[in-house]
């Protein structure tokens, strides 16, 4: 994994210690984010390294039918990207490399889904930023119905933008209008609202999270198809409608920020154009934007 010259932390655990590979049933793999050096998983360099190693191990398996990505406990998934690493970036190229590393990792999960593997994220507790972006790379997201569950993309509130696929995969999932609201406000939604918005596909009580996720991964259960709603579908397919929605959102952002903060505007443009942009091209633009914002 190319880290762009960013060193591993001195307390980095040994390789393969941050992600457990479990096989609860024939043909199903469960990847458990369980870094020994963190109370709550964070997408730091050791975790990203071990996720890469885990994917390299399971990708060649011919009989792989289902994949579940989850945390060590039902209400302990992950706290997003490592903000200490982001804060240490002073070069746009370095930030872009880090963005591409995360995109490539999550893209490998998406590629498993494209080859027919039933990919499921089973989450609960905090699911912000990068933690939600890995979920977006999965076909289905099952969330714990609990007051501690909070899901969203808060990056624009930190002066950056979702750089691991969030600006591209979220509008494809829920439509441009709802994706813009989620990304530009940076709100973290509770489980019920996240389901209403389409951010997650299935809710269950925390004690059943593991079982329901396994049922979805094996095909014993398939969540109801998502709907973007009429407004979302019309906007996504109509360049003029997207332009109008984007300009209205930009006007609201400028009124709120007075033009002092570039992150929301960069995120807005990427998100609004995502449904009509090839995914690879959109990801490239997202990575460049994150690198430039992180450097400043």
C-alpha atoms as a PDB file:
ATOM      1  CA  UNK A   1       0.000   0.000   0.000  1.00  0.00           C
ATOM      2  CA  UNK A   2       1.391   3.376  -1.028  1.00  0.00           C
ATOM      3  CA  UNK A   3       1.219   5.749   1.956  1.00  0.00           C
ATOM      4  CA  UNK A   4       2.705   8.732   0.165  1.00  0.00           C
ATOM      5  CA  UNK A   5       5.660   8.744   2.529  1.00  0.00           C
ATOM      6  CA  UNK A   6       3.500   8.953   5.671  1.00  0.00           C
ATOM      7  CA  UNK A   7       5.207   6.780   8.317  1.00  0.00           C
ATOM      8  CA  UNK A   8       3.426   4.134  10.337  1.00  0.00           C
ATOM      9  CA  UNK A   9       2.843   5.129  13.983  1.00  0.00           C
ATOM     10  CA  UNK A  10       5.405   3.843  16.492  1.00  0.00           C
ATOM     11  CA  UNK A  11       2.735   1.780  18.265  1.00  0.00           C
ATOM     12  CA  UNK A  12       1.620   0.043  15.054  1.00  0.00           C
ATOM     13  CA  UNK A  13       0.772  -3.592  15.794  1.00  0.00           C
ATOM     14  CA  UNK A  14       2.130  -6.485  13.777  1.00  0.00           C
ATOM     15  CA  UNK A  15       0.708  -7.147  10.299  1.00  0.00           C
ATOM     16  CA  UNK A  16      -2.579  -9.112  10.187  1.00  0.00           C
ATOM     17  CA  UNK A  17      -3.441  -8.221  13.784  1.00  0.00           C
ATOM     18  CA  UNK A  18      -6.019  -5.476  13.026  1.00  0.00           C
ATOM     19  CA  UNK A  19      -8.468  -7.453  10.874  1.00  0.00           C
ATOM     20  CA  UNK A  20      -9.753 -10.900  11.781  1.00  0.00           C
ATOM     21  CA  UNK A  21     -10.838 -13.299   9.068  1.00  0.00           C
ATOM     22  CA  UNK A  22     -13.691 -15.533  10.217  1.00  0.00           C
ATOM     23  CA  UNK A  23     -15.606 -18.191   8.289  1.00  0.00           C
ATOM     24  CA  UNK A  24     -19.002 -18.595   9.976  1.00  0.00           C
ATOM     25  CA  UNK A  25     -20.407 -20.718   7.126  1.00  0.00           C
ATOM     26  CA  UNK A  26     -19.147 -22.407   4.000  1.00  0.00           C
ATOM     27  CA  UNK A  27     -18.623 -19.795   1.306  1.00  0.00           C
ATOM     28  CA  UNK A  28     -18.946 -16.802   3.667  1.00  0.00           C
ATOM     29  CA  UNK A  29     -16.129 -14.677   5.086  1.00  0.00           C
ATOM     30  CA  UNK A  30     -16.481 -12.160   7.876  1.00  0.00           C
ATOM     31  CA  UNK A  31     -13.848  -9.411   8.139  1.00  0.00           C
ATOM     32  CA  UNK A  32     -13.803  -8.041  11.691  1.00  0.00           C
ATOM     33  CA  UNK A  33     -12.174  -4.650  12.247  1.00  0.00           C
ATOM     34  CA  UNK A  34     -10.455  -5.233  15.592  1.00  0.00           C
ATOM     35  CA  UNK A  35      -7.190  -3.280  15.956  1.00  0.00           C
ATOM     36  CA  UNK A  36      -5.509  -4.123  19.277  1.00  0.00           C
ATOM     37  CA  UNK A  37      -4.095  -0.606  19.687  1.00  0.00           C
ATOM     38  CA  UNK A  38      -7.486   1.163  19.512  1.00  0.00           C
ATOM     39  CA  UNK A  39     -10.579   1.112  21.714  1.00  0.00           C
ATOM     40  CA  UNK A  40     -12.612   1.911  18.599  1.00  0.00           C
ATOM     41  CA  UNK A  41     -11.339   1.019  15.137  1.00  0.00           C
ATOM     42  CA  UNK A  42      -9.949   3.938  13.139  1.00  0.00           C
ATOM     43  CA  UNK A  43      -8.897   3.748   9.512  1.00  0.00           C
ATOM     44  CA  UNK A  44      -5.258   4.437  10.259  1.00  0.00           C
ATOM     45  CA  UNK A  45      -2.346   2.984   8.309  1.00  0.00           C
ATOM     46  CA  UNK A  46      -2.139  -0.306  10.280  1.00  0.00           C
ATOM     47  CA  UNK A  47      -5.843  -1.024   9.772  1.00  0.00           C
ATOM     48  CA  UNK A  48      -5.678  -0.136   6.075  1.00  0.00           C
ATOM     49  CA  UNK A  49      -2.591  -2.347   5.669  1.00  0.00           C
ATOM     50  CA  UNK A  50      -4.325  -5.295   7.308  1.00  0.00           C
ATOM     51  CA  UNK A  51      -7.540  -4.795   5.355  1.00  0.00           C
ATOM     52  CA  UNK A  52      -5.441  -4.943   2.197  1.00  0.00           C
ATOM     53  CA  UNK A  53      -3.797  -8.176   3.392  1.00  0.00           C
ATOM     54  CA  UNK A  54      -7.168  -9.700   4.290  1.00  0.00           C
ATOM     55  CA  UNK A  55      -8.667  -8.871   0.902  1.00  0.00           C
ATOM     56  CA  UNK A  56      -5.628 -10.320  -0.866  1.00  0.00           C
ATOM     57  CA  UNK A  57      -6.203 -13.568   1.032  1.00  0.00           C
ATOM     58  CA  UNK A  58      -9.909 -13.960   0.282  1.00  0.00           C
ATOM     59  CA  UNK A  59     -10.134 -12.561  -3.273  1.00  0.00           C
ATOM     60  CA  UNK A  60      -8.762 -15.721  -4.978  1.00  0.00           C
ATOM     61  CA  UNK A  61     -11.313 -18.002  -3.280  1.00  0.00           C
ATOM     62  CA  UNK A  62     -13.452 -19.597  -5.964  1.00  0.00           C
ATOM     63  CA  UNK A  63     -16.255 -20.605  -3.610  1.00  0.00           C
ATOM     64  CA  UNK A  64     -16.685 -17.206  -1.975  1.00  0.00           C
ATOM     65  CA  UNK A  65     -20.387 -16.319  -1.975  1.00  0.00           C
ATOM     66  CA  UNK A  66     -20.766 -13.779   0.818  1.00  0.00           C
ATOM     67  CA  UNK A  67     -18.681 -11.180   2.656  1.00  0.00           C
ATOM     68  CA  UNK A  68     -19.554  -9.367   5.884  1.00  0.00           C
ATOM     69  CA  UNK A  69     -17.536  -6.373   7.100  1.00  0.00           C
ATOM     70  CA  UNK A  70     -18.171  -5.597  10.749  1.00  0.00           C
ATOM     71  CA  UNK A  71     -16.670  -4.371  14.035  1.00  0.00           C
ATOM     72  CA  UNK A  72     -15.539  -6.218  17.128  1.00  0.00           C
ATOM     73  CA  UNK A  73     -18.948  -5.620  18.739  1.00  0.00           C
ATOM     74  CA  UNK A  74     -22.412  -4.737  17.363  1.00  0.00           C
ATOM     75  CA  UNK A  75     -22.137  -1.137  18.619  1.00  0.00           C
ATOM     76  CA  UNK A  76     -18.438  -0.716  17.900  1.00  0.00           C
ATOM     77  CA  UNK A  77     -17.737  -0.396  14.176  1.00  0.00           C
ATOM     78  CA  UNK A  78     -15.237   2.348  13.332  1.00  0.00           C
ATOM     79  CA  UNK A  79     -14.593   6.049  13.886  1.00  0.00           C
ATOM     80  CA  UNK A  80     -13.619   6.980  10.335  1.00  0.00           C
ATOM     81  CA  UNK A  81     -10.236   8.096   9.069  1.00  0.00           C
ATOM     82  CA  UNK A  82      -7.238   8.915  11.260  1.00  0.00           C
ATOM     83  CA  UNK A  83      -7.476  12.681  11.773  1.00  0.00           C
ATOM     84  CA  UNK A  84      -3.918  12.828  13.106  1.00  0.00           C
ATOM     85  CA  UNK A  85      -2.651  11.569   9.755  1.00  0.00           C
ATOM     86  CA  UNK A  86      -4.859  13.991   7.841  1.00  0.00           C
ATOM     87  CA  UNK A  87      -3.597  16.837   9.994  1.00  0.00           C
ATOM     88  CA  UNK A  88       0.002  15.934   9.214  1.00  0.00           C
ATOM     89  CA  UNK A  89      -0.462  16.325   5.455  1.00  0.00           C
ATOM     90  CA  UNK A  90       1.038  19.512   4.013  1.00  0.00           C
ATOM     91  CA  UNK A  91       1.457  18.403   0.411  1.00  0.00           C
ATOM     92  CA  UNK A  92      -1.428  17.947  -2.027  1.00  0.00           C
ATOM     93  CA  UNK A  93       0.264  15.009  -3.719  1.00  0.00           C
ATOM     94  CA  UNK A  94       0.624  13.212  -0.425  1.00  0.00           C
ATOM     95  CA  UNK A  95      -3.045  13.766   0.378  1.00  0.00           C
ATOM     96  CA  UNK A  96      -4.057  12.495  -3.044  1.00  0.00           C
ATOM     97  CA  UNK A  97      -2.014   9.321  -2.578  1.00  0.00           C
ATOM     98  CA  UNK A  98      -3.748   8.641   0.731  1.00  0.00           C
ATOM     99  CA  UNK A  99      -7.142   9.222  -0.887  1.00  0.00           C
ATOM    100  CA  UNK A 100      -6.336   6.819  -3.696  1.00  0.00           C
ATOM    101  CA  UNK A 101      -5.160   4.187  -1.210  1.00  0.00           C
ATOM    102  CA  UNK A 102      -8.521   4.226   0.568  1.00  0.00           C
ATOM    103  CA  UNK A 103     -10.426   4.304  -2.711  1.00  0.00           C
ATOM    104  CA  UNK A 104      -8.482   1.297  -3.987  1.00  0.00           C
ATOM    105  CA  UNK A 105      -9.173  -0.703  -0.833  1.00  0.00           C
ATOM    106  CA  UNK A 106     -12.893  -0.027  -0.857  1.00  0.00           C
ATOM    107  CA  UNK A 107     -12.968  -0.540  -4.603  1.00  0.00           C
ATOM    108  CA  UNK A 108     -11.770  -4.108  -4.084  1.00  0.00           C
ATOM    109  CA  UNK A 109     -14.787  -4.764  -1.887  1.00  0.00           C
ATOM    110  CA  UNK A 110     -17.051  -3.277  -4.548  1.00  0.00           C
ATOM    111  CA  UNK A 111     -15.349  -5.480  -7.157  1.00  0.00           C
ATOM    112  CA  UNK A 112     -16.226  -8.579  -5.132  1.00  0.00           C
ATOM    113  CA  UNK A 113     -19.862  -7.507  -5.309  1.00  0.00           C
ATOM    114  CA  UNK A 114     -19.577  -7.061  -9.057  1.00  0.00           C
ATOM    115  CA  UNK A 115     -18.404 -10.644  -9.434  1.00  0.00           C
ATOM    116  CA  UNK A 116     -21.465 -11.910  -7.564  1.00  0.00           C
ATOM    117  CA  UNK A 117     -20.304 -11.994  -3.941  1.00  0.00           C
ATOM    118  CA  UNK A 118     -23.058 -10.791  -1.585  1.00  0.00           C
ATOM    119  CA  UNK A 119     -21.227  -8.000   0.278  1.00  0.00           C
ATOM    120  CA  UNK A 120     -22.716  -6.696   3.537  1.00  0.00           C
ATOM    121  CA  UNK A 121     -21.629  -4.059   6.050  1.00  0.00           C
ATOM    122  CA  UNK A 122     -22.914  -4.798   9.566  1.00  0.00           C
ATOM    123  CA  UNK A 123     -22.561  -1.643  11.645  1.00  0.00           C
ATOM    124  CA  UNK A 124     -23.581   0.038  14.859  1.00  0.00           C
ATOM    125  CA  UNK A 125     -22.450   2.850  17.119  1.00  0.00           C
ATOM    126  CA  UNK A 126     -20.442   5.606  15.368  1.00  0.00           C
ATOM    127  CA  UNK A 127     -20.211   5.171  11.584  1.00  0.00           C
ATOM    128  CA  UNK A 128     -18.777   8.511  10.375  1.00  0.00           C
ATOM    129  CA  UNK A 129     -16.758   9.444   7.322  1.00  0.00           C
ATOM    130  CA  UNK A 130     -14.466   6.676   6.126  1.00  0.00           C
ATOM    131  CA  UNK A 131     -16.369   4.142   8.222  1.00  0.00           C
ATOM    132  CA  UNK A 132     -19.488   4.923   6.172  1.00  0.00           C
ATOM    133  CA  UNK A 133     -17.534   5.000   2.922  1.00  0.00           C
ATOM    134  CA  UNK A 134     -16.452   1.373   3.328  1.00  0.00           C
ATOM    135  CA  UNK A 135     -20.144   0.572   3.860  1.00  0.00           C
ATOM    136  CA  UNK A 136     -21.023   2.321   0.597  1.00  0.00           C
ATOM    137  CA  UNK A 137     -18.684  -0.071  -1.202  1.00  0.00           C
ATOM    138  CA  UNK A 138     -20.860  -2.975  -0.009  1.00  0.00           C
ATOM    139  CA  UNK A 139     -24.088  -4.065  -1.698  1.00  0.00           C
ATOM    140  CA  UNK A 140     -26.133  -3.929   1.516  1.00  0.00           C
ATOM    141  CA  UNK A 141     -25.789  -2.125   4.846  1.00  0.00           C
ATOM    142  CA  UNK A 142     -27.370  -3.557   7.990  1.00  0.00           C
ATOM    143  CA  UNK A 143     -27.369  -1.221  11.005  1.00  0.00           C
ATOM    144  CA  UNK A 144     -28.019  -1.695  14.698  1.00  0.00           C
ATOM    145  CA  UNK A 145     -31.213  -0.025  15.852  1.00  0.00           C
ATOM    146  CA  UNK A 146     -29.788   1.763  18.884  1.00  0.00           C
ATOM    147  CA  UNK A 147     -29.483   5.313  20.164  1.00  0.00           C
ATOM    148  CA  UNK A 148     -25.679   5.198  19.812  1.00  0.00           C
ATOM    149  CA  UNK A 149     -25.787   4.503  16.068  1.00  0.00           C
ATOM    150  CA  UNK A 150     -24.889   7.613  14.077  1.00  0.00           C
ATOM    151  CA  UNK A 151     -24.163   7.449  10.359  1.00  0.00           C
ATOM    152  CA  UNK A 152     -23.012  10.100   7.897  1.00  0.00           C
ATOM    153  CA  UNK A 153     -20.236  12.003   6.163  1.00  0.00           C
ATOM    154  CA  UNK A 154     -19.062  14.929   8.330  1.00  0.00           C
ATOM    155  CA  UNK A 155     -15.903  15.751   6.370  1.00  0.00           C
ATOM    156  CA  UNK A 156     -16.986  19.148   5.035  1.00  0.00           C
ATOM    157  CA  UNK A 157     -17.311  20.339   8.636  1.00  0.00           C
ATOM    158  CA  UNK A 158     -13.606  19.563   9.047  1.00  0.00           C
ATOM    159  CA  UNK A 159     -12.490  21.500   5.973  1.00  0.00           C
ATOM    160  CA  UNK A 160     -12.111  18.466   3.702  1.00  0.00           C
ATOM    161  CA  UNK A 161     -14.517  16.226   1.761  1.00  0.00           C
ATOM    162  CA  UNK A 162     -15.324  12.510   1.600  1.00  0.00           C
ATOM    163  CA  UNK A 163     -12.316  11.202  -0.290  1.00  0.00           C
ATOM    164  CA  UNK A 164     -12.753   7.421  -0.249  1.00  0.00           C
ATOM    165  CA  UNK A 165     -15.681   7.292  -2.648  1.00  0.00           C
ATOM    166  CA  UNK A 166     -18.316   9.138  -0.638  1.00  0.00           C
ATOM    167  CA  UNK A 167     -19.016  11.905  -3.152  1.00  0.00           C
ATOM    168  CA  UNK A 168     -19.434   9.298  -5.895  1.00  0.00           C
ATOM    169  CA  UNK A 169     -21.173   6.323  -4.284  1.00  0.00           C
ATOM    170  CA  UNK A 170     -23.653   8.138  -2.030  1.00  0.00           C
ATOM    171  CA  UNK A 171     -25.450  10.035  -4.853  1.00  0.00           C
ATOM    172  CA  UNK A 172     -25.561   6.816  -6.850  1.00  0.00           C
ATOM    173  CA  UNK A 173     -27.193   5.160  -3.872  1.00  0.00           C
ATOM    174  CA  UNK A 174     -29.745   7.749  -2.713  1.00  0.00           C
ATOM    175  CA  UNK A 175     -29.865  10.389  -5.466  1.00  0.00           C
ATOM    176  CA  UNK A 176     -28.232  13.800  -5.753  1.00  0.00           C
ATOM    177  CA  UNK A 177     -30.635  15.915  -3.618  1.00  0.00           C
ATOM    178  CA  UNK A 178     -30.415  13.724  -0.504  1.00  0.00           C
ATOM    179  CA  UNK A 179     -26.693  13.111  -1.008  1.00  0.00           C
ATOM    180  CA  UNK A 180     -26.012  16.845  -1.201  1.00  0.00           C
ATOM    181  CA  UNK A 181     -27.921  17.456   2.015  1.00  0.00           C
ATOM    182  CA  UNK A 182     -26.065  14.661   3.797  1.00  0.00           C
ATOM    183  CA  UNK A 183     -22.606  15.738   2.642  1.00  0.00           C
ATOM    184  CA  UNK A 184     -22.978  19.522   2.866  1.00  0.00           C
ATOM    185  CA  UNK A 185     -24.560  19.561   6.327  1.00  0.00           C
ATOM    186  CA  UNK A 186     -22.250  16.849   7.642  1.00  0.00           C
ATOM    187  CA  UNK A 187     -25.051  15.498   9.813  1.00  0.00           C
ATOM    188  CA  UNK A 188     -24.716  12.140  11.505  1.00  0.00           C
ATOM    189  CA  UNK A 189     -28.131  10.458  11.294  1.00  0.00           C
ATOM    190  CA  UNK A 190     -29.667   8.072  13.786  1.00  0.00           C
ATOM    191  CA  UNK A 191     -30.508   4.579  12.588  1.00  0.00           C
ATOM    192  CA  UNK A 192     -34.168   5.204  11.757  1.00  0.00           C
ATOM    193  CA  UNK A 193     -33.506   8.358   9.762  1.00  0.00           C
ATOM    194  CA  UNK A 194     -30.561   6.701   8.018  1.00  0.00           C
ATOM    195  CA  UNK A 195     -32.910   3.981   6.810  1.00  0.00           C
ATOM    196  CA  UNK A 196     -35.538   6.501   5.667  1.00  0.00           C
ATOM    197  CA  UNK A 197     -32.900   8.355   3.658  1.00  0.00           C
ATOM    198  CA  UNK A 198     -31.605   5.126   2.133  1.00  0.00           C
ATOM    199  CA  UNK A 199     -28.222   5.283   3.833  1.00  0.00           C
ATOM    200  CA  UNK A 200     -28.848   1.790   5.226  1.00  0.00           C
ATOM    201  CA  UNK A 201     -30.982  -1.096   3.948  1.00  0.00           C
ATOM    202  CA  UNK A 202     -31.971  -2.982   7.074  1.00  0.00           C
ATOM    203  CA  UNK A 203     -32.279  -2.273  10.789  1.00  0.00           C
ATOM    204  CA  UNK A 204     -32.128  -4.834  13.547  1.00  0.00           C
ATOM    205  CA  UNK A 205     -31.553  -4.921  17.287  1.00  0.00           C
ATOM    206  CA  UNK A 206     -27.855  -5.057  18.180  1.00  0.00           C
ATOM    207  CA  UNK A 207     -28.068  -8.618  19.483  1.00  0.00           C
ATOM    208  CA  UNK A 208     -29.304  -9.819  16.070  1.00  0.00           C
ATOM    209  CA  UNK A 209     -26.885  -7.803  13.917  1.00  0.00           C
ATOM    210  CA  UNK A 210     -24.470 -10.657  13.301  1.00  0.00           C
ATOM    211  CA  UNK A 211     -27.231 -13.128  12.410  1.00  0.00           C
ATOM    212  CA  UNK A 212     -29.133 -10.786  10.080  1.00  0.00           C
ATOM    213  CA  UNK A 213     -25.937  -9.769   8.272  1.00  0.00           C
ATOM    214  CA  UNK A 214     -25.090 -13.451   7.783  1.00  0.00           C
ATOM    215  CA  UNK A 215     -28.585 -14.154   6.465  1.00  0.00           C
ATOM    216  CA  UNK A 216     -28.168 -11.370   3.902  1.00  0.00           C
ATOM    217  CA  UNK A 217     -24.675 -12.555   2.941  1.00  0.00           C
ATOM    218  CA  UNK A 218     -25.907 -16.110   2.357  1.00  0.00           C
ATOM    219  CA  UNK A 219     -29.057 -15.077   0.499  1.00  0.00           C
ATOM    220  CA  UNK A 220     -31.451 -16.369   3.134  1.00  0.00           C
ATOM    221  CA  UNK A 221     -32.712 -12.786   3.313  1.00  0.00           C
ATOM    222  CA  UNK A 222     -32.591  -9.958   0.786  1.00  0.00           C
ATOM    223  CA  UNK A 223     -33.470  -6.429   1.957  1.00  0.00           C
ATOM    224  CA  UNK A 224     -36.164  -4.592   0.035  1.00  0.00           C
ATOM    225  CA  UNK A 225     -34.836  -2.666  -2.982  1.00  0.00           C
ATOM    226  CA  UNK A 226     -33.902   0.940  -2.320  1.00  0.00           C
ATOM    227  CA  UNK A 227     -35.764   3.779  -3.993  1.00  0.00           C
ATOM    228  CA  UNK A 228     -34.260   7.200  -4.678  1.00  0.00           C
ATOM    229  CA  UNK A 229     -37.728   8.678  -4.835  1.00  0.00           C
ATOM    230  CA  UNK A 230     -39.204  10.490  -7.821  1.00  0.00           C
ATOM    231  CA  UNK A 231     -37.267  13.711  -7.168  1.00  0.00           C
ATOM    232  CA  UNK A 232     -33.958  11.914  -6.928  1.00  0.00           C
ATOM    233  CA  UNK A 233     -34.537   9.921 -10.110  1.00  0.00           C
ATOM    234  CA  UNK A 234     -35.616  12.970 -12.119  1.00  0.00           C
ATOM    235  CA  UNK A 235     -32.687  15.089 -10.983  1.00  0.00           C
ATOM    236  CA  UNK A 236     -30.093  12.370 -11.570  1.00  0.00           C
ATOM    237  CA  UNK A 237     -31.211  11.825 -15.161  1.00  0.00           C
ATOM    238  CA  UNK A 238     -31.645  15.464 -16.098  1.00  0.00           C
ATOM    239  CA  UNK A 239     -28.508  17.621 -16.434  1.00  0.00           C
ATOM    240  CA  UNK A 240     -30.577  20.806 -16.296  1.00  0.00           C
ATOM    241  CA  UNK A 241     -32.319  19.718 -13.092  1.00  0.00           C
ATOM    242  CA  UNK A 242     -28.958  18.803 -11.568  1.00  0.00           C
ATOM    243  CA  UNK A 243     -27.613  22.220 -12.519  1.00  0.00           C
ATOM    244  CA  UNK A 244     -30.554  23.955 -10.834  1.00  0.00           C
ATOM    245  CA  UNK A 245     -30.274  21.841  -7.667  1.00  0.00           C
ATOM    246  CA  UNK A 246     -26.524  22.409  -7.589  1.00  0.00           C
ATOM    247  CA  UNK A 247     -26.838  26.176  -7.962  1.00  0.00           C
ATOM    248  CA  UNK A 248     -29.439  26.374  -5.207  1.00  0.00           C
ATOM    249  CA  UNK A 249     -27.208  24.326  -2.927  1.00  0.00           C
ATOM    250  CA  UNK A 250     -24.199  26.479  -3.809  1.00  0.00           C
ATOM    251  CA  UNK A 251     -26.126  29.644  -3.007  1.00  0.00           C
ATOM    252  CA  UNK A 252     -27.066  28.232   0.404  1.00  0.00           C
ATOM    253  CA  UNK A 253     -23.466  27.168   1.086  1.00  0.00           C
ATOM    254  CA  UNK A 254     -22.049  30.581   0.164  1.00  0.00           C
ATOM    255  CA  UNK A 255     -24.620  32.302   2.354  1.00  0.00           C
ATOM    256  CA  UNK A 256     -23.573  30.112   5.264  1.00  0.00           C
ATOM    257  CA  UNK A 257     -19.786  30.208   4.738  1.00  0.00           C
ATOM    258  CA  UNK A 258     -19.442  33.605   2.983  1.00  0.00           C
ATOM    259  CA  UNK A 259     -17.060  31.917   0.579  1.00  0.00           C
ATOM    260  CA  UNK A 260     -14.344  31.373   3.185  1.00  0.00           C
ATOM    261  CA  UNK A 261     -14.429  27.567   3.126  1.00  0.00           C
ATOM    262  CA  UNK A 262     -13.749  25.781  -0.179  1.00  0.00           C
ATOM    263  CA  UNK A 263     -14.541  22.209   0.957  1.00  0.00           C
ATOM    264  CA  UNK A 264     -18.364  22.379   0.679  1.00  0.00           C
ATOM    265  CA  UNK A 265     -18.218  23.861  -2.833  1.00  0.00           C
ATOM    266  CA  UNK A 266     -15.738  21.220  -4.031  1.00  0.00           C
ATOM    267  CA  UNK A 267     -17.879  18.470  -2.499  1.00  0.00           C
ATOM    268  CA  UNK A 268     -21.023  19.959  -4.025  1.00  0.00           C
ATOM    269  CA  UNK A 269     -19.670  19.921  -7.566  1.00  0.00           C
ATOM    270  CA  UNK A 270     -18.376  16.357  -7.289  1.00  0.00           C
ATOM    271  CA  UNK A 271     -21.602  15.047  -5.757  1.00  0.00           C
ATOM    272  CA  UNK A 272     -23.955  16.807  -8.184  1.00  0.00           C
ATOM    273  CA  UNK A 273     -22.137  15.473 -11.239  1.00  0.00           C
ATOM    274  CA  UNK A 274     -21.511  11.942  -9.925  1.00  0.00           C
ATOM    275  CA  UNK A 275     -24.462  10.056 -11.527  1.00  0.00           C
ATOM    276  CA  UNK A 276     -23.445  11.262 -14.993  1.00  0.00           C
ATOM    277  CA  UNK A 277     -19.709  10.761 -14.508  1.00  0.00           C
ATOM    278  CA  UNK A 278     -17.913   7.420 -14.973  1.00  0.00           C
ATOM    279  CA  UNK A 279     -16.997   6.164 -11.511  1.00  0.00           C
ATOM    280  CA  UNK A 280     -13.255   6.009 -12.148  1.00  0.00           C
ATOM    281  CA  UNK A 281     -13.168   9.583 -13.424  1.00  0.00           C
ATOM    282  CA  UNK A 282     -15.229  10.784 -10.457  1.00  0.00           C
ATOM    283  CA  UNK A 283     -12.932   9.023  -7.997  1.00  0.00           C
ATOM    284  CA  UNK A 284      -9.868  10.587  -9.613  1.00  0.00           C
ATOM    285  CA  UNK A 285     -11.377  14.060  -9.238  1.00  0.00           C
ATOM    286  CA  UNK A 286     -12.377  13.289  -5.656  1.00  0.00           C
ATOM    287  CA  UNK A 287      -8.841  12.181  -4.765  1.00  0.00           C
ATOM    288  CA  UNK A 288      -7.294  15.321  -6.267  1.00  0.00           C
ATOM    289  CA  UNK A 289      -9.767  17.517  -4.389  1.00  0.00           C
ATOM    290  CA  UNK A 290      -9.078  15.805  -1.066  1.00  0.00           C
ATOM    291  CA  UNK A 291      -5.351  16.167  -1.573  1.00  0.00           C
ATOM    292  CA  UNK A 292      -5.622  19.892  -2.239  1.00  0.00           C
ATOM    293  CA  UNK A 293      -7.963  20.493   0.703  1.00  0.00           C
ATOM    294  CA  UNK A 294      -5.950  18.375   3.139  1.00  0.00           C
ATOM    295  CA  UNK A 295      -2.787  20.293   2.252  1.00  0.00           C
ATOM    296  CA  UNK A 296      -4.403  23.594   3.252  1.00  0.00           C
END
